[in-house]
Amino acid sequence: MGKQGISKQEQAEFPVFKSHEEAFDYFEEKYGEKFVFEESLDTSDGTCFYYRLIIDEEAYVKGISDLNSTGYVGMEFMKSYQPVRIMKDGSLYIIH
């Protein structure tokens, strides 16, 4: 993983997860503190857990600070992380 985050090829090589917990454990072990929980929502397909994989820590921290102080963020913040969604059944959706 470079500044691009998880590639489609890398995603294709992930194991098949049977639950959210199994997927979360995998990502936490692989990416550590750079894998950050955002929120969870109940959907018609079950509970969806939203995470951010931080790929540019400096821009991410600055963006969070800007958001808290002004309510606005720049494109640098939006590009500083990769959204990862994990469903309760372990299925993934990673935005590339």
Protein backbone atom coordinates (compact mmCIF):
# COMPACT_ATOMS: atom_id res chain seq x y z
CA MET A 1 0.00 0.00 0.00
CA GLY A 2 1.45 3.34 -1.03
CA LYS A 3 -0.21 6.73 -1.15
CA GLN A 4 -2.90 5.13 -3.34
CA GLY A 5 -4.36 2.90 -0.65
CA ILE A 6 -5.69 -0.55 -1.45
CA SER A 7 -5.56 -1.40 -5.15
CA LYS A 8 -8.17 -3.50 -6.93
CA GLN A 9 -5.55 -6.23 -7.37
CA GLU A 10 -4.71 -6.20 -3.66
CA GLN A 11 -8.42 -6.35 -2.82
CA ALA A 12 -8.82 -9.39 -5.10
CA GLU A 13 -6.15 -11.16 -3.02
CA PHE A 14 -7.92 -10.62 0.31
CA PRO A 15 -9.40 -13.71 1.95
CA VAL A 16 -13.16 -14.20 1.90
CA PHE A 17 -14.44 -12.92 5.23
CA LYS A 18 -17.36 -14.62 6.99
CA SER A 19 -18.20 -11.72 9.32
CA HIS A 20 -17.53 -8.07 10.05
CA GLU A 21 -15.38 -9.08 13.02
CA GLU A 22 -13.19 -11.32 10.85
CA ALA A 23 -12.69 -8.57 8.25
CA PHE A 24 -12.05 -5.93 10.91
CA ASP A 25 -9.42 -8.10 12.61
CA TYR A 26 -7.66 -8.60 9.26
CA PHE A 27 -7.58 -4.87 8.46
CA GLU A 28 -6.58 -3.88 11.98
CA GLU A 29 -3.68 -6.33 11.94
CA LYS A 30 -2.59 -5.29 8.44
CA TYR A 31 -2.97 -1.49 8.76
CA GLY A 32 -2.98 -0.83 12.52
CA GLU A 33 -3.91 2.69 13.62
CA LYS A 34 -4.31 3.81 10.00
CA PHE A 35 -7.59 1.85 9.87
CA VAL A 36 -10.13 4.11 11.61
CA PHE A 37 -13.79 3.46 12.43
CA GLU A 38 -16.17 6.15 11.18
CA GLU A 39 -19.73 4.93 11.86
CA SER A 40 -22.16 2.07 11.41
CA LEU A 41 -25.62 2.19 9.88
CA ASP A 42 -28.42 -0.30 9.60
CA THR A 43 -29.39 -0.87 5.96
CA SER A 44 -31.85 -3.15 4.22
CA ASP A 45 -28.88 -5.50 3.63
CA GLY A 46 -27.85 -5.51 7.31
CA THR A 47 -25.46 -3.41 9.36
CA CYS A 48 -22.78 -1.59 7.37
CA PHE A 49 -19.59 -0.47 9.12
CA TYR A 50 -17.75 2.50 7.61
CA TYR A 51 -13.99 2.86 8.02
CA ARG A 52 -11.27 5.12 6.72
CA LEU A 53 -7.87 3.78 5.70
CA ILE A 54 -5.58 6.77 6.20
CA ILE A 55 -3.10 7.05 3.35
CA ASP A 56 -1.72 10.55 4.03
CA GLU A 57 -1.60 11.07 7.78
CA GLU A 58 -0.43 14.69 7.65
CA ALA A 59 -3.27 15.78 5.32
CA TYR A 60 -5.78 13.72 7.31
CA VAL A 61 -4.87 15.32 10.65
CA LYS A 62 -4.89 18.81 9.09
CA GLY A 63 -8.30 18.09 7.52
CA ILE A 64 -9.80 16.94 10.82
CA SER A 65 -8.42 20.07 12.48
CA ASP A 66 -9.85 22.30 9.73
CA LEU A 67 -13.21 20.54 9.93
CA ASN A 68 -13.37 21.06 13.69
CA SER A 69 -12.36 24.72 13.53
CA THR A 70 -14.10 25.94 10.36
CA GLY A 71 -16.57 23.23 9.37
CA TYR A 72 -14.90 22.90 5.97
CA VAL A 73 -12.32 20.56 4.45
CA GLY A 74 -10.25 20.76 1.29
CA MET A 75 -9.60 18.19 -1.40
CA GLU A 76 -6.35 17.21 0.33
CA PHE A 77 -8.42 15.82 3.21
CA MET A 78 -10.78 13.97 0.90
CA LYS A 79 -7.78 12.33 -0.79
CA SER A 80 -6.02 11.54 2.50
CA TYR A 81 -8.04 8.40 3.19
CA GLN A 82 -9.70 5.54 1.38
CA PRO A 83 -13.27 4.63 2.39
CA VAL A 84 -13.78 0.97 3.30
CA ARG A 85 -17.21 -0.48 4.02
CA ILE A 86 -17.64 -3.82 5.72
CA MET A 87 -21.05 -5.44 5.95
CA LYS A 88 -22.04 -7.54 8.97
CA ASP A 89 -21.63 -10.67 6.80
CA GLY A 90 -18.01 -9.73 6.00
CA SER A 91 -18.54 -8.52 2.44
CA LEU A 92 -16.44 -5.51 1.43
CA TYR A 93 -16.84 -2.40 -0.65
CA ILE A 94 -13.64 -0.41 -1.14
CA ILE A 95 -13.70 2.83 -3.08
CA HIS A 96 -10.80 2.97 -5.55
